[in-house]
Amino acid sequence: MKKLNELTSLRAVEEFLENHELGFLYFSTPECSTCHAILPKLQELLNGYPSIHLAHIDVSHVKEIAERFLILSAPIMILMIEQKEYLRADRFVRFELLKEKLDHIYNMYNLQDN
């Protein structure tokens, strides 16, 4: 499974994005059963994209992050490229469509899978 970075502060999120050109942020809450079901599928999908780094943020513990990224419900997934939001998906994510978008990003950036 894709390595998951647990981020617990707004500063940690900012540092994560500064250090990774392609950063995938996964926002969840502990009581969200959908959040727990989607995360392993997302980790499995992102295994195919070694240049994309994955971070998890529990928005119930870090309210300022929810405000900064306009998180109104959970789960929310945001792909950041060079610290800018590129795509956003919510609990109704279609993984085949997400994969197509990620493939496009890899082609656009001429990234090679290792």
PDB file of N, CA and C in Angstrom:
ATOM      1  N   MET A   1       0.825  -1.191   0.000  1.00  0.00           N
ATOM      2  CA  MET A   1       0.000   0.000   0.000  1.00  0.00           C
ATOM      3  C   MET A   1       0.871   1.257   0.000  1.00  0.00           C
ATOM      4  N   LYS A   2       0.323   2.290  -0.581  1.00  0.00           N
ATOM      5  CA  LYS A   2       0.994   3.585  -0.635  1.00  0.00           C
ATOM      6  C   LYS A   2       1.242   4.095   0.782  1.00  0.00           C
ATOM      7  N   LYS A   3       2.445   4.627   1.007  1.00  0.00           N
ATOM      8  CA  LYS A   3       2.781   5.208   2.308  1.00  0.00           C
ATOM      9  C   LYS A   3       1.850   6.374   2.587  1.00  0.00           C
ATOM     10  N   LEU A   4       1.368   6.439   3.817  1.00  0.00           N
ATOM     11  CA  LEU A   4       0.430   7.467   4.232  1.00  0.00           C
ATOM     12  C   LEU A   4       1.092   8.360   5.272  1.00  0.00           C
ATOM     13  N   ASN A   5       1.207   9.640   4.961  1.00  0.00           N
ATOM     14  CA  ASN A   5       1.761  10.623   5.900  1.00  0.00           C
ATOM     15  C   ASN A   5       0.617  11.203   6.716  1.00  0.00           C
ATOM     16  N   GLU A   6       0.661  11.038   8.044  1.00  0.00           N
ATOM     17  CA  GLU A   6      -0.362  11.612   8.923  1.00  0.00           C
ATOM     18  C   GLU A   6       0.051  13.044   9.261  1.00  0.00           C
ATOM     19  N   LEU A   7      -0.806  14.005   8.910  1.00  0.00           N
ATOM     20  CA  LEU A   7      -0.505  15.412   9.156  1.00  0.00           C
ATOM     21  C   LEU A   7      -1.484  15.956  10.190  1.00  0.00           C
ATOM     22  N   THR A   8      -0.963  16.643  11.188  1.00  0.00           N
ATOM     23  CA  THR A   8      -1.799  17.062  12.315  1.00  0.00           C
ATOM     24  C   THR A   8      -1.818  18.565  12.557  1.00  0.00           C
ATOM     25  N   SER A   9      -1.289  19.333  11.622  1.00  0.00           N
ATOM     26  CA  SER A   9      -1.329  20.791  11.765  1.00  0.00           C
ATOM     27  C   SER A   9      -1.302  21.431  10.384  1.00  0.00           C
ATOM     28  N   LEU A  10      -1.750  22.661  10.339  1.00  0.00           N
ATOM     29  CA  LEU A  10      -1.703  23.400   9.076  1.00  0.00           C
ATOM     30  C   LEU A  10      -0.263  23.541   8.604  1.00  0.00           C
ATOM     31  N   ARG A  11       0.656  23.790   9.521  1.00  0.00           N
ATOM     32  CA  ARG A  11       2.077  23.915   9.146  1.00  0.00           C
ATOM     33  C   ARG A  11       2.598  22.612   8.546  1.00  0.00           C
ATOM     34  N   ALA A  12       2.192  21.469   9.107  1.00  0.00           N
ATOM     35  CA  ALA A  12       2.629  20.175   8.573  1.00  0.00           C
ATOM     36  C   ALA A  12       2.117  19.977   7.149  1.00  0.00           C
ATOM     37  N   VAL A  13       0.890  20.410   6.879  1.00  0.00           N
ATOM     38  CA  VAL A  13       0.339  20.311   5.522  1.00  0.00           C
ATOM     39  C   VAL A  13       1.128  21.213   4.576  1.00  0.00           C
ATOM     40  N   GLU A  14       1.404  22.431   5.006  1.00  0.00           N
ATOM     41  CA  GLU A  14       2.171  23.358   4.170  1.00  0.00           C
ATOM     42  C   GLU A  14       3.554  22.801   3.861  1.00  0.00           C
ATOM     43  N   GLU A  15       4.220  22.232   4.855  1.00  0.00           N
ATOM     44  CA  GLU A  15       5.547  21.639   4.634  1.00  0.00           C
ATOM     45  C   GLU A  15       5.468  20.446   3.689  1.00  0.00           C
ATOM     46  N   PHE A  16       4.444  19.618   3.860  1.00  0.00           N
ATOM     47  CA  PHE A  16       4.245  18.466   2.978  1.00  0.00           C
ATOM     48  C   PHE A  16       4.120  18.938   1.526  1.00  0.00           C
ATOM     49  N   LEU A  17       3.313  19.967   1.305  1.00  0.00           N
ATOM     50  CA  LEU A  17       3.107  20.470  -0.056  1.00  0.00           C
ATOM     51  C   LEU A  17       4.356  21.164  -0.604  1.00  0.00           C
ATOM     52  N   GLU A  18       5.114  21.818   0.247  1.00  0.00           N
ATOM     53  CA  GLU A  18       6.366  22.446  -0.183  1.00  0.00           C
ATOM     54  C   GLU A  18       7.386  21.398  -0.615  1.00  0.00           C
ATOM     55  N   ASN A  19       7.371  20.246   0.041  1.00  0.00           N
ATOM     56  CA  ASN A  19       8.361  19.200  -0.206  1.00  0.00           C
ATOM     57  C   ASN A  19       7.975  18.211  -1.296  1.00  0.00           C
ATOM     58  N   HIS A  20       6.730  18.267  -1.764  1.00  0.00           N
ATOM     59  CA  HIS A  20       6.270  17.320  -2.778  1.00  0.00           C
ATOM     60  C   HIS A  20       5.552  18.065  -3.895  1.00  0.00           C
ATOM     61  N   GLU A  21       6.102  17.986  -5.081  1.00  0.00           N
ATOM     62  CA  GLU A  21       5.484  18.651  -6.229  1.00  0.00           C
ATOM     63  C   GLU A  21       4.062  18.138  -6.455  1.00  0.00           C
ATOM     64  N   LEU A  22       3.876  16.826  -6.294  1.00  0.00           N
ATOM     65  CA  LEU A  22       2.557  16.209  -6.430  1.00  0.00           C
ATOM     66  C   LEU A  22       2.146  15.664  -5.068  1.00  0.00           C
ATOM     67  N   GLY A  23       1.173  16.294  -4.449  1.00  0.00           N
ATOM     68  CA  GLY A  23       0.709  15.871  -3.136  1.00  0.00           C
ATOM     69  C   GLY A  23      -0.782  15.602  -3.158  1.00  0.00           C
ATOM     70  N   PHE A  24      -1.166  14.450  -2.658  1.00  0.00           N
ATOM     71  CA  PHE A  24      -2.575  14.067  -2.614  1.00  0.00           C
ATOM     72  C   PHE A  24      -3.021  14.142  -1.165  1.00  0.00           C
ATOM     73  N   LEU A  25      -3.962  15.028  -0.862  1.00  0.00           N
ATOM     74  CA  LEU A  25      -4.448  15.219   0.497  1.00  0.00           C
ATOM     75  C   LEU A  25      -5.774  14.488   0.669  1.00  0.00           C
ATOM     76  N   TYR A  26      -5.844  13.664   1.713  1.00  0.00           N
ATOM     77  CA  TYR A  26      -7.064  12.917   2.019  1.00  0.00           C
ATOM     78  C   TYR A  26      -7.595  13.388   3.368  1.00  0.00           C
ATOM     79  N   PHE A  27      -8.762  14.021   3.351  1.00  0.00           N
ATOM     80  CA  PHE A  27      -9.374  14.573   4.550  1.00  0.00           C
ATOM     81  C   PHE A  27     -10.490  13.649   5.013  1.00  0.00           C
ATOM     82  N   SER A  28     -10.492  13.304   6.303  1.00  0.00           N
ATOM     83  CA  SER A  28     -11.516  12.414   6.833  1.00  0.00           C
ATOM     84  C   SER A  28     -11.852  12.783   8.271  1.00  0.00           C
ATOM     85  N   THR A  29     -12.844  12.085   8.815  1.00  0.00           N
ATOM     86  CA  THR A  29     -13.192  12.187  10.225  1.00  0.00           C
ATOM     87  C   THR A  29     -13.287  10.772  10.786  1.00  0.00           C
ATOM     88  N   PRO A  30     -13.059  10.596  12.076  1.00  0.00           N
ATOM     89  CA  PRO A  30     -13.049   9.252  12.653  1.00  0.00           C
ATOM     90  C   PRO A  30     -14.391   8.521  12.558  1.00  0.00           C
ATOM     91  N   GLU A  31     -15.504   9.238  12.645  1.00  0.00           N
ATOM     92  CA  GLU A  31     -16.814   8.585  12.638  1.00  0.00           C
ATOM     93  C   GLU A  31     -17.365   8.309  11.236  1.00  0.00           C
ATOM     94  N   CYS A  32     -16.619   8.609  10.221  1.00  0.00           N
ATOM     95  CA  CYS A  32     -17.057   8.466   8.825  1.00  0.00           C
ATOM     96  C   CYS A  32     -16.713   7.071   8.292  1.00  0.00           C
ATOM     97  N   SER A  33     -17.727   6.229   8.134  1.00  0.00           N
ATOM     98  CA  SER A  33     -17.469   4.871   7.631  1.00  0.00           C
ATOM     99  C   SER A  33     -17.039   4.892   6.165  1.00  0.00           C
ATOM    100  N   THR A  34     -17.569   5.831   5.396  1.00  0.00           N
ATOM    101  CA  THR A  34     -17.161   5.964   3.993  1.00  0.00           C
ATOM    102  C   THR A  34     -15.678   6.305   3.905  1.00  0.00           C
ATOM    103  N   CYS A  35     -15.215   7.164   4.816  1.00  0.00           N
ATOM    104  CA  CYS A  35     -13.801   7.553   4.838  1.00  0.00           C
ATOM    105  C   CYS A  35     -12.907   6.334   5.021  1.00  0.00           C
ATOM    106  N   HIS A  36     -13.297   5.465   5.944  1.00  0.00           N
ATOM    107  CA  HIS A  36     -12.502   4.272   6.236  1.00  0.00           C
ATOM    108  C   HIS A  36     -12.530   3.282   5.071  1.00  0.00           C
ATOM    109  N   ALA A  37     -13.616   3.254   4.315  1.00  0.00           N
ATOM    110  CA  ALA A  37     -13.731   2.332   3.181  1.00  0.00           C
ATOM    111  C   ALA A  37     -12.937   2.817   1.970  1.00  0.00           C
ATOM    112  N   ILE A  38     -12.906   4.114   1.749  1.00  0.00           N
ATOM    113  CA  ILE A  38     -12.256   4.674   0.557  1.00  0.00           C
ATOM    114  C   ILE A  38     -10.734   4.692   0.679  1.00  0.00           C
ATOM    115  N   LEU A  39     -10.212   4.956   1.864  1.00  0.00           N
ATOM    116  CA  LEU A  39      -8.767   5.138   2.024  1.00  0.00           C
ATOM    117  C   LEU A  39      -7.945   3.967   1.492  1.00  0.00           C
ATOM    118  N   PRO A  40      -8.236   2.704   1.814  1.00  0.00           N
ATOM    119  CA  PRO A  40      -7.424   1.611   1.260  1.00  0.00           C
ATOM    120  C   PRO A  40      -7.487   1.531  -0.268  1.00  0.00           C
ATOM    121  N   LYS A  41      -8.650   1.837  -0.840  1.00  0.00           N
ATOM    122  CA  LYS A  41      -8.780   1.844  -2.305  1.00  0.00           C
ATOM    123  C   LYS A  41      -7.911   2.946  -2.909  1.00  0.00           C
ATOM    124  N   LEU A  42      -7.898   4.095  -2.258  1.00  0.00           N
ATOM    125  CA  LEU A  42      -7.071   5.202  -2.735  1.00  0.00           C
ATOM    126  C   LEU A  42      -5.591   4.846  -2.638  1.00  0.00           C
ATOM    127  N   GLN A  43      -5.180   4.262  -1.522  1.00  0.00           N
ATOM    128  CA  GLN A  43      -3.782   3.861  -1.356  1.00  0.00           C
ATOM    129  C   GLN A  43      -3.385   2.858  -2.430  1.00  0.00           C
ATOM    130  N   GLU A  44      -4.261   1.914  -2.720  1.00  0.00           N
ATOM    131  CA  GLU A  44      -3.971   0.916  -3.747  1.00  0.00           C
ATOM    132  C   GLU A  44      -3.839   1.579  -5.119  1.00  0.00           C
ATOM    133  N   LEU A  45      -4.752   2.489  -5.445  1.00  0.00           N
ATOM    134  CA  LEU A  45      -4.685   3.198  -6.722  1.00  0.00           C
ATOM    135  C   LEU A  45      -3.390   3.987  -6.843  1.00  0.00           C
ATOM    136  N   LEU A  46      -3.011   4.696  -5.788  1.00  0.00           N
ATOM    137  CA  LEU A  46      -1.828   5.551  -5.844  1.00  0.00           C
ATOM    138  C   LEU A  46      -0.519   4.768  -5.862  1.00  0.00           C
ATOM    139  N   ASN A  47      -0.560   3.472  -5.597  1.00  0.00           N
ATOM    140  CA  ASN A  47       0.642   2.640  -5.747  1.00  0.00           C
ATOM    141  C   ASN A  47       1.201   2.747  -7.162  1.00  0.00           C
ATOM    142  N   GLY A  48       0.328   2.947  -8.134  1.00  0.00           N
ATOM    143  CA  GLY A  48       0.746   3.038  -9.529  1.00  0.00           C
ATOM    144  C   GLY A  48       1.342   4.382  -9.909  1.00  0.00           C
ATOM    145  N   TYR A  49       1.424   5.300  -8.960  1.00  0.00           N
ATOM    146  CA  TYR A  49       1.914   6.651  -9.221  1.00  0.00           C
ATOM    147  C   TYR A  49       2.954   7.027  -8.163  1.00  0.00           C
ATOM    148  N   PRO A  50       4.175   6.549  -8.321  1.00  0.00           N
ATOM    149  CA  PRO A  50       5.186   6.771  -7.284  1.00  0.00           C
ATOM    150  C   PRO A  50       5.547   8.232  -7.044  1.00  0.00           C
ATOM    151  N   SER A  51       5.292   9.105  -7.978  1.00  0.00           N
ATOM    152  CA  SER A  51       5.634  10.521  -7.789  1.00  0.00           C
ATOM    153  C   SER A  51       4.575  11.282  -6.992  1.00  0.00           C
ATOM    154  N   ILE A  52       3.419  10.659  -6.774  1.00  0.00           N
ATOM    155  CA  ILE A  52       2.362  11.299  -5.990  1.00  0.00           C
ATOM    156  C   ILE A  52       2.489  10.835  -4.543  1.00  0.00           C
ATOM    157  N   HIS A  53       2.609  11.790  -3.637  1.00  0.00           N
ATOM    158  CA  HIS A  53       2.746  11.498  -2.213  1.00  0.00           C
ATOM    159  C   HIS A  53       1.401  11.722  -1.531  1.00  0.00           C
ATOM    160  N   LEU A  54       1.042  10.802  -0.638  1.00  0.00           N
ATOM    161  CA  LEU A  54      -0.269  10.805  -0.004  1.00  0.00           C
ATOM    162  C   LEU A  54      -0.182  11.249   1.449  1.00  0.00           C
ATOM    163  N   ALA A  55      -1.098  12.144   1.833  1.00  0.00           N
ATOM    164  CA  ALA A  55      -1.178  12.596   3.220  1.00  0.00           C
ATOM    165  C   ALA A  55      -2.615  12.470   3.706  1.00  0.00           C
ATOM    166  N   HIS A  56      -2.753  12.142   4.975  1.00  0.00           N
ATOM    167  CA  HIS A  56      -4.063  12.034   5.612  1.00  0.00           C
ATOM    168  C   HIS A  56      -4.190  13.114   6.676  1.00  0.00           C
ATOM    169  N   ILE A  57      -5.352  13.768   6.688  1.00  0.00           N
ATOM    170  CA  ILE A  57      -5.628  14.800   7.672  1.00  0.00           C
ATOM    171  C   ILE A  57      -6.983  14.497   8.304  1.00  0.00           C
ATOM    172  N   ASP A  58      -7.008  14.378   9.624  1.00  0.00           N
ATOM    173  CA  ASP A  58      -8.250  14.204  10.378  1.00  0.00           C
ATOM    174  C   ASP A  58      -8.780  15.600  10.678  1.00  0.00           C
ATOM    175  N   VAL A  59      -9.811  16.020   9.951  1.00  0.00           N
ATOM    176  CA  VAL A  59     -10.298  17.396  10.089  1.00  0.00           C
ATOM    177  C   VAL A  59     -10.996  17.644  11.420  1.00  0.00           C
ATOM    178  N   SER A  60     -11.360  16.596  12.133  1.00  0.00           N
ATOM    179  CA  SER A  60     -11.987  16.809  13.438  1.00  0.00           C
ATOM    180  C   SER A  60     -10.983  17.317  14.465  1.00  0.00           C
ATOM    181  N   HIS A  61      -9.698  17.101  14.201  1.00  0.00           N
ATOM    182  CA  HIS A  61      -8.652  17.549  15.127  1.00  0.00           C
ATOM    183  C   HIS A  61      -7.959  18.840  14.680  1.00  0.00           C
ATOM    184  N   VAL A  62      -8.091  19.192  13.411  1.00  0.00           N
ATOM    185  CA  VAL A  62      -7.365  20.346  12.889  1.00  0.00           C
ATOM    186  C   VAL A  62      -8.344  21.228  12.111  1.00  0.00           C
ATOM    187  N   LYS A  63      -9.114  22.011  12.846  1.00  0.00           N
ATOM    188  CA  LYS A  63     -10.187  22.822  12.246  1.00  0.00           C
ATOM    189  C   LYS A  63      -9.669  23.847  11.240  1.00  0.00           C
ATOM    190  N   GLU A  64      -8.507  24.446  11.501  1.00  0.00           N
ATOM    191  CA  GLU A  64      -8.006  25.481  10.584  1.00  0.00           C
ATOM    192  C   GLU A  64      -7.670  24.907   9.213  1.00  0.00           C
ATOM    193  N   ILE A  65      -7.356  23.622   9.153  1.00  0.00           N
ATOM    194  CA  ILE A  65      -7.096  22.989   7.851  1.00  0.00           C
ATOM    195  C   ILE A  65      -8.394  22.892   7.064  1.00  0.00           C
ATOM    196  N   ALA A  66      -9.479  22.537   7.738  1.00  0.00           N
ATOM    197  CA  ALA A  66     -10.784  22.459   7.070  1.00  0.00           C
ATOM    198  C   ALA A  66     -11.166  23.815   6.491  1.00  0.00           C
ATOM    199  N   GLU A  67     -10.894  24.866   7.232  1.00  0.00           N
ATOM    200  CA  GLU A  67     -11.187  26.218   6.742  1.00  0.00           C
ATOM    201  C   GLU A  67     -10.302  26.582   5.561  1.00  0.00           C
ATOM    202  N   ARG A  68      -9.021  26.293   5.659  1.00  0.00           N
ATOM    203  CA  ARG A  68      -8.050  26.647   4.606  1.00  0.00           C
ATOM    204  C   ARG A  68      -8.365  25.964   3.280  1.00  0.00           C
ATOM    205  N   PHE A  69      -8.808  24.688   3.339  1.00  0.00           N
ATOM    206  CA  PHE A  69      -9.064  23.921   2.121  1.00  0.00           C
ATOM    207  C   PHE A  69     -10.552  23.781   1.798  1.00  0.00           C
ATOM    208  N   LEU A  70     -11.393  24.541   2.506  1.00  0.00           N
ATOM    209  CA  LEU A  70     -12.841  24.533   2.268  1.00  0.00           C
ATOM    210  C   LEU A  70     -13.427  23.122   2.331  1.00  0.00           C
ATOM    211  N   ILE A  71     -13.141  22.431   3.414  1.00  0.00           N
ATOM    212  CA  ILE A  71     -13.647  21.077   3.621  1.00  0.00           C
ATOM    213  C   ILE A  71     -14.966  21.189   4.375  1.00  0.00           C
ATOM    214  N   LEU A  72     -16.070  20.855   3.709  1.00  0.00           N
ATOM    215  CA  LEU A  72     -17.393  20.964   4.313  1.00  0.00           C
ATOM    216  C   LEU A  72     -17.958  19.613   4.732  1.00  0.00           C
ATOM    217  N   SER A  73     -17.416  18.539   4.168  1.00  0.00           N
ATOM    218  CA  SER A  73     -17.840  17.189   4.518  1.00  0.00           C
ATOM    219  C   SER A  73     -16.646  16.268   4.332  1.00  0.00           C
ATOM    220  N   ALA A  74     -16.821  15.020   4.685  1.00  0.00           N
ATOM    221  CA  ALA A  74     -15.723  14.058   4.543  1.00  0.00           C
ATOM    222  C   ALA A  74     -16.281  12.777   3.920  1.00  0.00           C
ATOM    223  N   PRO A  75     -15.469  12.073   3.176  1.00  0.00           N
ATOM    224  CA  PRO A  75     -14.085  12.375   2.834  1.00  0.00           C
ATOM    225  C   PRO A  75     -13.995  13.339   1.652  1.00  0.00           C
ATOM    226  N   ILE A  76     -12.879  14.026   1.612  1.00  0.00           N
ATOM    227  CA  ILE A  76     -12.524  14.894   0.490  1.00  0.00           C
ATOM    228  C   ILE A  76     -11.092  14.559   0.105  1.00  0.00           C
ATOM    229  N   MET A  77     -10.846  14.445  -1.190  1.00  0.00           N
ATOM    230  CA  MET A  77      -9.519  14.160  -1.720  1.00  0.00           C
ATOM    231  C   MET A  77      -9.128  15.305  -2.637  1.00  0.00           C
ATOM    232  N   ILE A  78      -7.930  15.848  -2.431  1.00  0.00           N
ATOM    233  CA  ILE A  78      -7.464  16.968  -3.251  1.00  0.00           C
ATOM    234  C   ILE A  78      -6.064  16.653  -3.758  1.00  0.00           C
ATOM    235  N   LEU A  79      -5.899  16.702  -5.061  1.00  0.00           N
ATOM    236  CA  LEU A  79      -4.572  16.563  -5.653  1.00  0.00           C
ATOM    237  C   LEU A  79      -4.004  17.960  -5.833  1.00  0.00           C
ATOM    238  N   MET A  80      -2.852  18.187  -5.214  1.00  0.00           N
ATOM    239  CA  MET A  80      -2.166  19.469  -5.300  1.00  0.00           C
ATOM    240  C   MET A  80      -0.931  19.302  -6.192  1.00  0.00           C
ATOM    241  N   ILE A  81      -0.775  20.214  -7.131  1.00  0.00           N
ATOM    242  CA  ILE A  81       0.405  20.220  -7.995  1.00  0.00           C
ATOM    243  C   ILE A  81       1.081  21.565  -7.797  1.00  0.00           C
ATOM    244  N   GLU A  82       2.340  21.503  -7.368  1.00  0.00           N
ATOM    245  CA  GLU A  82       3.106  22.709  -7.087  1.00  0.00           C
ATOM    246  C   GLU A  82       2.322  23.654  -6.177  1.00  0.00           C
ATOM    247  N   GLN A  83       1.715  23.083  -5.143  1.00  0.00           N
ATOM    248  CA  GLN A  83       0.989  23.794  -4.091  1.00  0.00           C
ATOM    249  C   GLN A  83      -0.314  24.443  -4.562  1.00  0.00           C
ATOM    250  N   LYS A  84      -0.827  24.014  -5.710  1.00  0.00           N
ATOM    251  CA  LYS A  84      -2.092  24.525  -6.211  1.00  0.00           C
ATOM    252  C   LYS A  84      -3.054  23.353  -6.409  1.00  0.00           C
ATOM    253  N   GLU A  85      -4.316  23.596  -6.086  1.00  0.00           N
ATOM    254  CA  GLU A  85      -5.314  22.538  -6.236  1.00  0.00           C
ATOM    255  C   GLU A  85      -5.531  22.239  -7.714  1.00  0.00           C
ATOM    256  N   TYR A  86      -5.417  20.942  -8.053  1.00  0.00           N
ATOM    257  CA  TYR A  86      -5.605  20.530  -9.433  1.00  0.00           C
ATOM    258  C   TYR A  86      -6.924  19.781  -9.618  1.00  0.00           C
ATOM    259  N   LEU A  87      -7.253  18.904  -8.670  1.00  0.00           N
ATOM    260  CA  LEU A  87      -8.537  18.231  -8.734  1.00  0.00           C
ATOM    261  C   LEU A  87      -9.023  17.917  -7.339  1.00  0.00           C
ATOM    262  N   ARG A  88     -10.349  17.786  -7.227  1.00  0.00           N
ATOM    263  CA  ARG A  88     -10.996  17.518  -5.948  1.00  0.00           C
ATOM    264  C   ARG A  88     -12.054  16.453  -6.180  1.00  0.00           C
ATOM    265  N   ALA A  89     -12.124  15.512  -5.253  1.00  0.00           N
ATOM    266  CA  ALA A  89     -13.148  14.470  -5.306  1.00  0.00           C
ATOM    267  C   ALA A  89     -13.710  14.283  -3.908  1.00  0.00           C
ATOM    268  N   ASP A  90     -14.961  13.832  -3.849  1.00  0.00           N
ATOM    269  CA  ASP A  90     -15.584  13.630  -2.547  1.00  0.00           C
ATOM    270  C   ASP A  90     -15.964  12.165  -2.366  1.00  0.00           C
ATOM    271  N   ARG A  91     -16.852  11.919  -1.430  1.00  0.00           N
ATOM    272  CA  ARG A  91     -17.221  10.546  -1.072  1.00  0.00           C
ATOM    273  C   ARG A  91     -17.768   9.748  -2.245  1.00  0.00           C
ATOM    274  N   PHE A  92     -18.211  10.401  -3.285  1.00  0.00           N
ATOM    275  CA  PHE A  92     -18.780   9.707  -4.430  1.00  0.00           C
ATOM    276  C   PHE A  92     -17.775   9.565  -5.562  1.00  0.00           C
ATOM    277  N   VAL A  93     -16.513   9.439  -5.212  1.00  0.00           N
ATOM    278  CA  VAL A  93     -15.441   9.345  -6.202  1.00  0.00           C
ATOM    279  C   VAL A  93     -15.622   8.094  -7.061  1.00  0.00           C
ATOM    280  N   ARG A  94     -15.427   8.273  -8.350  1.00  0.00           N
ATOM    281  CA  ARG A  94     -15.400   7.145  -9.284  1.00  0.00           C
ATOM    282  C   ARG A  94     -13.934   6.869  -9.564  1.00  0.00           C
ATOM    283  N   PHE A  95     -13.451   5.749  -9.045  1.00  0.00           N
ATOM    284  CA  PHE A  95     -12.029   5.456  -9.117  1.00  0.00           C
ATOM    285  C   PHE A  95     -11.533   5.283 -10.557  1.00  0.00           C
ATOM    286  N   GLU A  96     -12.368   4.787 -11.458  1.00  0.00           N
ATOM    287  CA  GLU A  96     -11.920   4.657 -12.851  1.00  0.00           C
ATOM    288  C   GLU A  96     -11.706   6.037 -13.473  1.00  0.00           C
ATOM    289  N   LEU A  97     -12.557   6.997 -13.151  1.00  0.00           N
ATOM    290  CA  LEU A  97     -12.385   8.367 -13.649  1.00  0.00           C
ATOM    291  C   LEU A  97     -11.173   9.031 -12.987  1.00  0.00           C
ATOM    292  N   LEU A  98     -10.988   8.800 -11.695  1.00  0.00           N
ATOM    293  CA  LEU A  98      -9.823   9.336 -10.998  1.00  0.00           C
ATOM    294  C   LEU A  98      -8.536   8.787 -11.608  1.00  0.00           C
ATOM    295  N   LYS A  99      -8.526   7.498 -11.940  1.00  0.00           N
ATOM    296  CA  LYS A  99      -7.352   6.893 -12.571  1.00  0.00           C
ATOM    297  C   LYS A  99      -7.067   7.540 -13.924  1.00  0.00           C
ATOM    298  N   GLU A 100      -8.093   7.795 -14.702  1.00  0.00           N
ATOM    299  CA  GLU A 100      -7.904   8.460 -15.999  1.00  0.00           C
ATOM    300  C   GLU A 100      -7.265   9.839 -15.813  1.00  0.00           C
ATOM    301  N   LYS A 101      -7.734  10.576 -14.822  1.00  0.00           N
ATOM    302  CA  LYS A 101      -7.180  11.909 -14.564  1.00  0.00           C
ATOM    303  C   LYS A 101      -5.731  11.823 -14.107  1.00  0.00           C
ATOM    304  N   LEU A 102      -5.422  10.854 -13.256  1.00  0.00           N
ATOM    305  CA  LEU A 102      -4.045  10.681 -12.797  1.00  0.00           C
ATOM    306  C   LEU A 102      -3.133  10.263 -13.945  1.00  0.00           C
ATOM    307  N   ASP A 103      -3.630   9.398 -14.826  1.00  0.00           N
ATOM    308  CA  ASP A 103      -2.854   9.012 -16.014  1.00  0.00           C
ATOM    309  C   ASP A 103      -2.547  10.245 -16.865  1.00  0.00           C
ATOM    310  N   HIS A 104      -3.527  11.102 -17.023  1.00  0.00           N
ATOM    311  CA  HIS A 104      -3.340  12.329 -17.803  1.00  0.00           C
ATOM    312  C   HIS A 104      -2.260  13.214 -17.171  1.00  0.00           C
ATOM    313  N   ILE A 105      -2.291  13.322 -15.860  1.00  0.00           N
ATOM    314  CA  ILE A 105      -1.279  14.123 -15.156  1.00  0.00           C
ATOM    315  C   ILE A 105       0.106  13.544 -15.393  1.00  0.00           C
ATOM    316  N   TYR A 106       0.226  12.239 -15.302  1.00  0.00           N
ATOM    317  CA  TYR A 106       1.530  11.605 -15.523  1.00  0.00           C
ATOM    318  C   TYR A 106       2.009  11.848 -16.948  1.00  0.00           C
ATOM    319  N   ASN A 107       1.118  11.767 -17.907  1.00  0.00           N
ATOM    320  CA  ASN A 107       1.490  12.048 -19.298  1.00  0.00           C
ATOM    321  C   ASN A 107       1.882  13.506 -19.469  1.00  0.00           C
ATOM    322  N   MET A 108       1.146  14.393 -18.835  1.00  0.00           N
ATOM    323  CA  MET A 108       1.412  15.824 -18.940  1.00  0.00           C
ATOM    324  C   MET A 108       2.787  16.177 -18.365  1.00  0.00           C
ATOM    325  N   TYR A 109       3.139  15.538 -17.265  1.00  0.00           N
ATOM    326  CA  TYR A 109       4.412  15.809 -16.603  1.00  0.00           C
ATOM    327  C   TYR A 109       5.523  14.888 -17.076  1.00  0.00           C
ATOM    328  N   ASN A 110       5.228  13.994 -18.021  1.00  0.00           N
ATOM    329  CA  ASN A 110       6.197  13.047 -18.551  1.00  0.00           C
ATOM    330  C   ASN A 110       6.867  12.248 -17.413  1.00  0.00           C
ATOM    331  N   LEU A 111       6.053  11.835 -16.467  1.00  0.00           N
ATOM    332  CA  LEU A 111       6.566  11.042 -15.351  1.00  0.00           C
ATOM    333  C   LEU A 111       6.610   9.577 -15.755  1.00  0.00           C
ATOM    334  N   GLN A 112       7.599   8.907 -15.283  1.00  0.00           N
ATOM    335  CA  GLN A 112       7.760   7.493 -15.578  1.00  0.00           C
ATOM    336  C   GLN A 112       7.540   6.674 -14.321  1.00  0.00           C
ATOM    337  N   ASP A 113       6.771   5.609 -14.418  1.00  0.00           N
ATOM    338  CA  ASP A 113       6.628   4.688 -13.294  1.00  0.00           C
ATOM    339  C   ASP A 113       7.907   3.910 -13.151  1.00  0.00           C
ATOM    340  N   ASN A 114       8.316   3.699 -11.899  1.00  0.00           N
ATOM    341  CA  ASN A 114       9.531   2.932 -11.628  1.00  0.00           C
ATOM    342  C   ASN A 114       9.232   1.457 -11.561  1.00  0.00           C
TER     343      ASN A 114
END
